Protein backbone atom coordinates (compact mmCIF):
# COMPACT_ATOMS: atom_id res chain seq x y z
CA MET A 1 18.68 0.39 -4.93
CA GLU A 2 21.32 -0.51 -2.08
CA LEU A 3 22.11 3.03 -1.17
CA ILE A 4 18.62 3.76 -0.84
CA HIS A 5 17.94 1.19 1.57
CA SER A 6 20.73 1.70 3.80
CA TYR A 7 19.64 5.33 3.63
CA VAL A 8 16.41 4.63 4.91
CA ALA A 9 17.96 1.89 7.24
CA TRP A 10 20.16 4.83 8.77
CA LEU A 11 16.63 7.05 8.83
CA ASN A 12 15.47 4.17 10.74
CA GLY A 13 17.50 3.87 13.13
CA VAL A 14 17.31 8.18 13.74
CA VAL A 15 13.74 8.12 13.64
CA TRP A 16 12.92 5.48 16.09
CA GLY A 17 16.02 6.32 18.93
CA VAL A 18 16.21 7.94 21.78
CA PRO A 19 14.95 11.03 21.17
CA MET A 20 11.60 9.49 19.86
CA LEU A 21 11.32 7.24 22.73
CA ILE A 22 11.06 10.38 25.28
CA LEU A 23 8.75 12.31 22.61
CA ILE A 24 6.15 9.10 22.37
CA LEU A 25 6.36 8.05 26.04
CA GLY A 26 6.77 11.73 27.27
CA THR A 27 3.45 12.98 25.43
CA GLY A 28 1.54 10.19 26.68
CA LEU A 29 2.70 10.85 30.41
CA PHE A 30 2.37 14.43 30.40
CA LEU A 31 -1.14 14.23 28.73
CA MET A 32 -1.98 11.28 31.21
CA VAL A 33 -0.87 13.44 34.20
CA ALA A 34 -2.33 16.50 32.41
CA LEU A 35 -6.11 14.92 32.87
CA ARG A 36 -5.17 13.47 35.88
CA GLY A 37 -5.11 9.76 35.28
CA MET A 38 -8.78 10.04 33.65
CA PRO A 39 -8.26 7.87 30.57
CA LEU A 40 -7.29 4.97 33.50
CA LEU A 41 -9.99 6.12 35.50
CA ARG A 42 -12.91 6.08 33.07
CA ILE A 43 -11.97 2.67 31.04
CA VAL A 44 -15.36 1.01 32.53
CA MET A 45 -16.96 4.36 31.26
CA GLY A 46 -15.42 3.80 28.01
CA PHE A 47 -16.58 0.42 27.61
CA ARG A 48 -19.87 1.11 28.42
CA LEU A 49 -19.98 3.96 26.04
CA MET A 50 -18.53 2.00 23.51
CA TRP A 51 -21.55 -0.43 24.07
CA GLY A 52 -24.23 2.01 23.81
CA GLY A 53 -22.71 3.87 20.91
CA ARG A 54 -23.54 1.02 18.58
CA ARG A 55 -27.20 2.82 18.05
CA LYS A 56 -25.94 5.26 14.98
CA GLY A 57 -27.66 8.45 16.72
CA ASP A 58 -28.47 11.41 15.04
CA ALA A 59 -27.30 11.33 11.28
CA SER A 60 -27.00 15.27 10.42
CA THR A 61 -23.87 14.91 13.44
CA GLY A 62 -21.87 11.87 11.35
CA ASP A 63 -21.82 9.70 8.72
CA VAL A 64 -21.24 6.64 10.74
CA SER A 65 -22.16 5.32 14.89
CA PRO A 66 -19.34 5.81 17.76
CA PHE A 67 -19.49 1.33 17.18
CA GLN A 68 -18.71 1.58 13.75
CA ALA A 69 -16.11 4.38 14.02
CA LEU A 70 -14.08 2.23 16.57
CA MET A 71 -14.41 -0.78 15.18
CA THR A 72 -13.03 0.49 11.74
CA CYS A 73 -10.02 1.71 13.96
CA LEU A 74 -9.72 -1.43 15.63
CA SER A 75 -9.86 -2.44 12.01
CA ALA A 76 -6.84 -0.91 11.13
CA THR A 77 -4.81 -1.29 14.22
CA VAL A 78 -5.41 -5.25 15.05
CA GLY A 79 -3.38 -6.80 12.07
CA THR A 80 0.33 -8.11 11.44
CA GLY A 81 1.10 -5.87 14.44
CA ASN A 82 -0.14 -7.97 17.09
CA ILE A 83 0.88 -11.56 15.55
CA ALA A 84 3.90 -10.82 13.34
CA GLY A 85 4.96 -7.36 15.13
CA VAL A 86 4.95 -9.03 18.88
CA ALA A 87 6.99 -11.33 18.19
CA THR A 88 9.78 -9.31 16.44
CA ALA A 89 9.71 -7.11 19.86
CA ILE A 90 10.22 -10.35 21.73
CA PHE A 91 12.59 -11.55 18.84
CA LEU A 92 14.60 -8.64 19.13
CA GLY A 93 14.37 -7.39 22.27
CA GLY A 94 13.35 -10.73 24.55
CA PRO A 95 10.60 -10.89 26.55
CA GLY A 96 11.23 -7.60 28.52
CA ALA A 97 9.93 -5.99 25.19
CA LEU A 98 6.38 -6.89 26.25
CA PHE A 99 6.55 -4.59 29.49
CA TRP A 100 7.62 -1.53 27.36
CA MET A 101 4.53 -2.10 24.67
CA TRP A 102 2.22 -2.17 28.21
CA CYS A 103 4.05 1.01 29.14
CA THR A 104 3.18 2.38 25.74
CA ALA A 105 -0.30 1.56 25.75
CA LEU A 106 -1.12 2.72 29.30
CA VAL A 107 0.25 6.01 28.58
CA GLY A 108 -0.51 5.79 24.77
CA MET A 109 -4.46 5.42 26.03
CA ALA A 110 -4.26 9.32 27.37
CA THR A 111 -2.14 10.25 23.53
CA LYS A 112 -5.53 8.46 21.71
CA TYR A 113 -7.99 9.88 23.86
CA SER A 114 -6.67 13.19 23.22
CA GLU A 115 -6.34 12.64 19.38
CA ILE A 116 -9.53 12.46 18.45
CA VAL A 117 -10.78 14.78 20.96
CA LEU A 118 -9.23 17.02 18.90
CA ALA A 119 -9.87 15.54 15.69
CA VAL A 120 -13.88 15.56 16.77
CA HIS A 121 -13.72 19.20 17.93
CA TYR A 122 -11.94 20.47 14.82
CA ARG A 123 -13.80 18.33 12.12
CA GLU A 124 -15.51 20.01 8.80
CA LYS A 125 -17.52 19.08 6.35
CA ASP A 126 -16.47 18.16 2.92
CA GLU A 127 -18.41 19.26 -0.31
CA ARG A 128 -20.22 16.06 0.02
CA GLY A 129 -21.62 16.98 3.19
CA GLU A 130 -19.36 14.64 4.99
CA TYR A 131 -17.92 14.69 7.93
CA ILE A 132 -13.70 14.83 7.82
CA GLY A 133 -11.44 15.25 10.40
CA GLY A 134 -8.09 14.33 11.46
CA PRO A 135 -4.64 15.62 13.18
CA MET A 136 -4.44 17.67 9.84
CA TYR A 137 -7.96 19.65 10.37
CA ALA A 138 -6.49 19.81 14.38
CA ILE A 139 -3.72 21.71 13.45
CA LYS A 140 -5.29 23.82 10.18
CA ASN A 141 -8.04 24.79 12.35
CA GLY A 142 -6.38 24.56 16.03
CA LEU A 143 -3.25 26.36 15.51
CA SER A 144 -1.93 29.24 13.29
CA LYS A 145 -1.29 29.48 9.84
CA SER A 146 2.40 29.42 10.63
CA TRP A 147 1.62 25.73 11.50
CA ALA A 148 -0.09 24.65 8.78
CA TRP A 149 3.20 23.39 7.27
CA LEU A 150 3.30 20.50 10.60
CA GLY A 151 -0.69 19.05 8.62
CA PHE A 152 0.99 19.22 5.59
CA ALA A 153 3.81 16.95 6.77
CA PHE A 154 1.13 14.50 8.37
CA ALA A 155 -0.84 13.87 5.55
CA ILE A 156 1.80 13.67 3.14
CA PHE A 157 3.07 11.08 5.49
CA GLY A 158 0.22 9.13 6.43
CA GLY A 159 -0.71 9.49 2.73
CA LEU A 160 2.37 7.46 1.83
CA ALA A 161 2.58 5.17 4.99
CA GLY A 162 -0.80 3.81 4.36
CA PHE A 163 0.83 2.02 1.24
CA GLY A 164 3.10 0.27 3.16
CA ILE A 165 1.89 -0.50 6.90
CA GLY A 166 -1.90 -0.82 5.96
CA ASN A 167 -1.67 -2.48 2.56
CA MET A 168 1.39 -4.23 1.26
CA VAL A 169 2.81 -5.53 4.40
CA GLN A 170 -0.25 -6.64 5.09
CA SER A 171 -1.31 -8.68 1.91
CA ASN A 172 2.40 -9.64 1.89
CA SER A 173 1.60 -11.28 5.46
CA MET A 174 -1.48 -13.07 3.91
CA ALA A 175 -0.21 -14.14 1.21
CA GLU A 176 2.69 -15.57 3.17
CA VAL A 177 1.04 -17.36 5.51
CA MET A 178 -1.79 -18.70 2.71
CA GLU A 179 1.40 -20.18 0.96
CA SER A 180 2.93 -22.16 3.64
CA SER A 181 0.02 -22.91 5.50
CA PHE A 182 -2.41 -23.89 3.20
CA HIS A 183 -0.62 -24.29 -0.22
CA ILE A 184 -1.99 -21.32 -2.02
CA GLU A 185 -0.05 -19.37 -4.66
CA ARG A 186 0.73 -16.08 -3.95
CA TRP A 187 -1.09 -14.56 -6.99
CA VAL A 188 -4.34 -16.34 -5.98
CA THR A 189 -4.18 -14.83 -2.52
CA GLY A 190 -3.69 -11.53 -3.86
CA LEU A 191 -6.24 -11.96 -6.42
CA VAL A 192 -8.88 -12.52 -4.18
CA THR A 193 -8.33 -9.89 -1.69
CA THR A 194 -7.56 -6.99 -4.58
CA VAL A 195 -11.47 -8.04 -5.93
CA ILE A 196 -13.08 -8.21 -1.99
CA VAL A 197 -10.89 -5.13 -0.90
CA ALA A 198 -12.18 -3.19 -4.22
CA LEU A 199 -15.98 -4.15 -3.41
CA VAL A 200 -15.53 -2.80 0.21
CA ILE A 201 -13.42 0.39 -0.47
CA LEU A 202 -15.63 1.67 -3.39
CA GLY A 203 -18.49 2.05 -0.81
CA GLY A 204 -16.70 4.12 1.20
CA ILE A 205 -16.88 4.67 5.13
CA LYS A 206 -20.47 4.13 5.64
CA ARG A 207 -19.78 -0.13 3.72
CA ILE A 208 -16.06 0.04 5.34
CA ALA A 209 -17.55 0.64 9.02
CA ARG A 210 -20.49 -2.22 7.91
CA VAL A 211 -18.23 -4.62 7.52
CA SER A 212 -15.69 -3.83 10.51
CA ALA A 213 -18.36 -4.10 12.73
CA SER A 214 -19.63 -6.76 11.68
CA LEU A 215 -15.96 -8.96 11.54
CA VAL A 216 -13.77 -6.87 14.17
CA PRO A 217 -15.87 -7.67 17.28
CA PHE A 218 -15.96 -11.92 15.96
CA MET A 219 -12.24 -11.93 15.14
CA CYS A 220 -10.94 -10.48 18.88
CA VAL A 221 -12.85 -12.48 20.64
CA GLY A 222 -11.94 -15.39 18.53
CA TYR A 223 -8.59 -15.18 18.80
CA MET A 224 -8.69 -14.17 22.47
CA LEU A 225 -10.44 -17.34 23.23
CA MET A 226 -7.59 -19.20 21.42
CA SER A 227 -5.00 -17.52 23.18
CA LEU A 228 -6.79 -18.47 26.42
CA VAL A 229 -6.65 -22.48 25.43
CA VAL A 230 -3.01 -22.28 24.69
CA LEU A 231 -2.41 -20.50 27.93
CA GLY A 232 -4.55 -23.09 29.74
CA ILE A 233 -2.26 -25.44 28.49
CA TYR A 234 0.97 -23.68 29.81
CA ILE A 235 -1.11 -22.26 32.89
CA ASP A 236 1.47 -23.31 35.78
CA ARG A 237 4.23 -21.80 33.23
CA ILE A 238 2.40 -18.00 33.39
CA PRO A 239 3.98 -16.63 36.90
CA ALA A 240 7.68 -17.61 35.47
CA ALA A 241 6.73 -15.85 31.93
CA PHE A 242 5.64 -12.56 34.33
CA THR A 243 8.82 -12.77 35.99
CA LEU A 244 10.87 -13.19 32.45
CA ILE A 245 8.54 -10.08 31.20
CA PHE A 246 9.55 -7.81 34.50
CA THR A 247 12.96 -8.57 35.23
CA HIS A 248 14.28 -8.73 31.08
CA ALA A 249 12.49 -5.11 31.16
CA PHE A 250 15.25 -3.79 33.12
CA THR A 251 18.27 -6.03 32.77
CA PRO A 252 19.80 -7.76 29.44
CA SER A 253 18.61 -10.80 28.31
CA ALA A 254 21.47 -13.75 27.98
CA ALA A 255 21.94 -15.07 24.83
CA THR A 256 19.79 -18.88 25.17
CA GLY A 257 19.07 -21.32 22.62
CA GLY A 258 18.39 -19.60 19.22
CA PHE A 259 17.77 -15.99 20.96
CA ALA A 260 20.73 -13.92 20.40
CA GLY A 261 20.26 -11.88 23.60
CA ALA A 262 19.34 -8.22 24.18
CA ALA A 263 20.08 -5.06 26.14
CA VAL A 264 17.58 -3.12 27.83
CA MET A 265 17.59 -0.31 25.43
CA MET A 266 16.64 -2.93 22.72
CA ALA A 267 13.70 -4.21 25.16
CA MET A 268 12.64 -0.60 25.12
CA GLN A 269 13.26 0.30 21.71
CA TYR A 270 11.37 -2.65 20.04
CA GLY A 271 8.76 -2.84 22.73
CA VAL A 272 7.77 0.61 21.99
CA ALA A 273 8.28 0.46 18.13
CA ARG A 274 6.19 -2.19 17.86
CA GLY A 275 3.41 -1.28 20.39
CA ILE A 276 2.83 2.09 18.46
CA PHE A 277 2.83 -0.19 15.34
CA SER A 278 0.20 -2.46 16.49
CA ASN A 279 -1.96 0.24 18.76
CA GLU A 280 -0.81 3.31 16.59
CA ALA A 281 -1.19 5.19 19.54
CA GLY A 282 0.31 8.82 18.95
CA LEU A 283 -0.14 8.45 14.92
CA GLY A 284 -3.22 10.57 15.12
CA THR A 285 -4.95 7.73 12.73
CA ALA A 286 -7.56 6.82 15.30
CA GLY A 287 -9.00 10.69 14.87
CA ILE A 288 -9.14 10.28 11.44
CA ALA A 289 -12.20 7.52 11.48
CA GLN A 290 -13.57 8.65 15.11
CA ALA A 291 -14.29 12.06 13.29
CA ALA A 292 -17.01 10.52 11.27
CA GLY A 293 -18.87 9.33 13.80
CA THR A 294 -22.47 10.50 14.75
CA THR A 295 -21.92 12.46 17.88
CA ASN A 296 -22.40 16.04 19.94
CA SER A 297 -19.35 15.67 22.38
CA PRO A 298 -15.54 14.90 21.26
CA VAL A 299 -15.23 13.71 25.13
CA ARG A 300 -17.69 10.99 24.69
CA SER A 301 -15.67 10.28 21.42
CA GLY A 302 -12.47 10.02 23.05
CA LEU A 303 -13.45 7.97 25.45
CA ILE A 304 -15.26 5.38 23.41
CA GLY A 305 -11.82 5.55 21.05
CA MET A 306 -9.05 5.34 23.29
CA ILE A 307 -10.66 1.78 24.66
CA GLY A 308 -9.09 0.94 21.43
CA THR A 309 -5.43 0.82 22.58
CA PHE A 310 -6.81 -0.87 25.56
CA ILE A 311 -8.15 -4.22 23.71
CA ASP A 312 -5.26 -3.84 20.89
CA THR A 313 -2.74 -4.14 23.15
CA ILE A 314 -3.20 -4.69 26.87
CA VAL A 315 -5.50 -7.54 25.56
CA ILE A 316 -4.46 -8.87 22.21
CA CYS A 317 -0.82 -8.22 22.48
CA SER A 318 -0.52 -9.62 25.48
CA MET A 319 -2.12 -12.94 24.42
CA THR A 320 0.17 -13.47 22.15
CA GLY A 321 2.99 -12.36 23.96
CA LEU A 322 1.89 -14.70 26.83
CA THR A 323 1.67 -17.75 24.72
CA ILE A 324 5.15 -17.56 22.69
CA ILE A 325 7.13 -16.81 25.88
CA CYS A 326 5.16 -19.40 28.02
CA SER A 327 5.21 -22.08 25.15
CA GLY A 328 9.62 -21.45 25.63
CA VAL A 329 9.57 -20.85 21.55
CA TRP A 330 10.85 -17.39 21.78
CA THR A 331 14.36 -19.11 22.34
CA SER A 332 13.95 -21.08 19.28
CA GLY A 333 15.51 -18.53 16.35
CA ALA A 334 12.25 -18.48 14.74
CA LYS A 335 10.68 -14.88 14.41
CA GLY A 336 7.88 -12.91 13.24
CA ALA A 337 4.52 -14.67 12.42
CA SER A 338 6.32 -17.93 11.84
CA LEU A 339 7.36 -17.65 15.77
CA SER A 340 4.28 -16.61 17.02
CA ALA A 341 2.97 -20.01 14.76
CA ALA A 342 5.35 -22.19 16.80
CA ALA A 343 3.80 -20.86 19.86
CA PHE A 344 0.45 -22.21 19.06
CA GLU A 345 1.45 -24.99 17.31
CA SER A 346 3.53 -26.52 20.54
CA ALA A 347 -0.08 -26.45 22.65
CA LEU A 348 -2.10 -27.42 19.56
CA PRO A 349 -0.21 -29.97 17.33
CA GLY A 350 -1.48 -30.09 13.69
CA ALA A 351 -3.91 -27.44 14.88
CA GLY A 352 -2.40 -24.84 16.27
CA ALA A 353 -0.21 -23.32 13.43
CA TYR A 354 -3.74 -23.56 10.92
CA LEU A 355 -5.63 -21.41 13.50
CA LEU A 356 -3.80 -18.88 14.05
CA ALA A 357 -2.67 -18.46 9.78
CA ILE A 358 -6.73 -17.93 10.18
CA ALA A 359 -6.80 -15.48 12.56
CA LEU A 360 -3.89 -13.61 10.45
CA LEU A 361 -6.10 -13.57 7.51
CA VAL A 362 -8.99 -11.95 8.90
CA PHE A 363 -6.33 -9.70 10.74
CA THR A 364 -4.65 -8.09 7.68
CA PHE A 365 -7.94 -8.08 5.60
CA THR A 366 -9.33 -5.77 8.15
CA THR A 367 -6.19 -3.44 8.56
CA ILE A 368 -6.01 -2.98 4.34
CA LEU A 369 -9.98 -1.68 4.72
CA GLY A 370 -9.24 0.63 7.71
CA TRP A 371 -6.15 1.96 6.19
CA SER A 372 -7.91 2.80 2.99
CA TYR A 373 -9.81 5.18 4.56
CA TYR A 374 -6.94 6.58 6.90
CA GLY A 375 -4.98 7.02 3.33
CA GLU A 376 -7.99 8.44 1.37
CA LYS A 377 -8.67 11.82 4.04
CA CYS A 378 -4.93 12.19 3.94
CA TRP A 379 -4.96 12.84 -0.12
CA ILE A 380 -8.55 14.74 0.03
CA TYR A 381 -6.67 17.01 2.46
CA LEU A 382 -3.55 17.29 -0.04
CA ALA A 383 -5.50 17.88 -3.24
CA GLY A 384 -9.09 17.46 -2.53
CA ARG A 385 -12.05 15.02 -3.77
CA LYS A 386 -10.60 14.75 -7.32
CA THR A 387 -7.67 12.39 -5.67
CA VAL A 388 -10.45 9.51 -4.40
CA LEU A 389 -11.03 7.36 -7.52
CA PRO A 390 -7.02 7.46 -8.63
CA PHE A 391 -6.18 6.36 -4.73
CA ARG A 392 -8.27 3.72 -4.85
CA ILE A 393 -7.33 2.33 -7.86
CA LEU A 394 -3.78 2.60 -6.70
CA TRP A 395 -4.87 1.28 -3.50
CA VAL A 396 -6.12 -1.94 -4.80
CA LEU A 397 -3.65 -2.41 -7.12
CA ALA A 398 -1.23 -2.20 -4.15
CA VAL A 399 -2.58 -4.89 -2.50
CA PHE A 400 -2.22 -6.92 -5.51
CA GLY A 401 1.50 -6.15 -5.36
CA GLY A 402 2.02 -6.62 -1.37
CA ALA A 403 1.08 -10.31 -2.09
CA VAL A 404 3.52 -11.20 -4.93
CA PHE A 405 6.62 -9.42 -4.23
CA GLN A 406 9.20 -9.47 -1.67
CA LEU A 407 8.92 -6.60 0.86
CA ASP A 408 11.95 -6.38 3.06
CA PHE A 409 12.32 -3.16 1.91
CA VAL A 410 8.55 -1.97 2.21
CA TRP A 411 8.73 -3.17 6.25
CA LEU A 412 11.68 -0.93 6.61
CA LEU A 413 10.17 1.76 4.88
CA ALA A 414 6.67 1.55 6.15
CA ASP A 415 8.44 1.70 10.28
CA THR A 416 10.51 4.65 8.95
CA LEU A 417 7.30 6.58 7.81
CA ASN A 418 5.07 5.74 11.00
CA ALA A 419 7.70 7.65 13.10
CA LEU A 420 7.54 10.44 10.58
CA MET A 421 3.99 10.34 11.09
CA ALA A 422 3.99 10.64 14.61
CA ILE A 423 6.31 13.58 14.75
CA PRO A 424 3.78 16.18 13.79
CA ASN A 425 1.24 14.60 15.69
CA LEU A 426 2.89 14.32 18.84
CA VAL A 427 3.98 17.96 18.39
CA ALA A 428 0.16 19.31 17.54
CA LEU A 429 -1.02 17.81 20.74
CA LEU A 430 1.24 19.22 22.89
CA LEU A 431 0.40 22.49 21.48
CA LEU A 432 -3.16 22.08 21.86
CA SER A 433 -3.05 20.06 24.99
CA PRO A 434 -4.86 23.11 26.49
CA VAL A 435 -7.64 22.80 24.51
CA VAL A 436 -8.12 19.21 25.30
CA ILE A 437 -7.89 19.94 29.02
CA LYS A 438 -10.44 22.04 28.60
CA LEU A 439 -12.80 20.06 27.05
CA THR A 440 -12.31 17.45 29.15
CA LYS A 441 -12.87 19.41 32.16
CA ASP A 442 -16.48 21.20 30.79
CA TYR A 443 -17.79 17.76 29.89
CA PHE A 444 -17.00 16.14 33.11
CA ASP A 445 -18.49 19.04 35.16
CA LYS A 446 -21.52 19.44 33.36
CA THR A 447 -22.23 15.41 33.41
CA THR A 448 -21.59 15.74 37.57
CA SER A 449 -23.70 18.88 38.29
């Protein structure tokens, strides 16, 4: 087992090395330039379309409303990455890691927009008449047969990664916080969560979307309000926090207190890696959910979907990062969710840690739901609908396993599979970028004429 662990650790260092940073940021920057900054210039339009997308529309053009599709995406992305992931990035890379998370998100809006445009444009109907799409279908229908292996690779990595990043890692974090904050046994948390997850995912995308549309707006707004209270208490420290972030993004962080110090490359590496872990821009997963949305326009779906990256990282991750830095606990030596909890507890003694525990509980639960849909569609692509029931049974069992077992290796493996998912998706985005540009130009030419 130690040999396998060391090999995966080596592979993790390779796939999250400088070439991956260049591929992720470079692809996003290329798409942003090719689209002439449209994702940034059209943020307000994206929010407006998102709000208008609450109506389901023509059922013949999809299975859920565009708003429900976005909430399903957010249910999968807003999870431990926003709390434990941000804290880990700051613990390992210093305050400068938050700057690189922002960079990943800003160019990631172009990446996610393009992923969704291609997913909706190349989507298919399965044998049950349900819309199905994502990077594997964009590769299958948009590229020549010689690229078919790329879609297969994405589906394999996505089908396996879900059990880590979207399931066991989430239920493990949930069980840990319930045990430390409320003294509830891990197996109890695992059992209750398993039953609830089973009841939801057996209803398919429509039930997942309804639950997500009910929970996600509430949990995002609630967490933002909690964070604003903390930042209000430390309002005089906010300017200094931004100075730390921008300074440490380009200069090494010196060791201080329990913080071991970090090089600029560490800030960049952990900022980008945890940014992708949180907002999933570059992984291609958002297109899987958005392909089920009721829409006649891939561009409209892309404009709505790219807002998820903005909300996830620019808003929610920034809230977490600023509370950690403003509170001063980033030098305490604590890491992960414990570091975030310490930040809230320092501002709200006796209540902060409990409030964060509740937020993490909801975040992780919705992530398990969203990723169940992603994983299911990957396995359907690989082996057809006969895989649905076995997948759902294994998924539910993995929820319980994640809650009761130690998962250091699973965290490492999930992080590695994240990168392996991104590679075929980013290659396909670059190859199919002319399609994205043409569809975008045609849409805006039509709307402005």
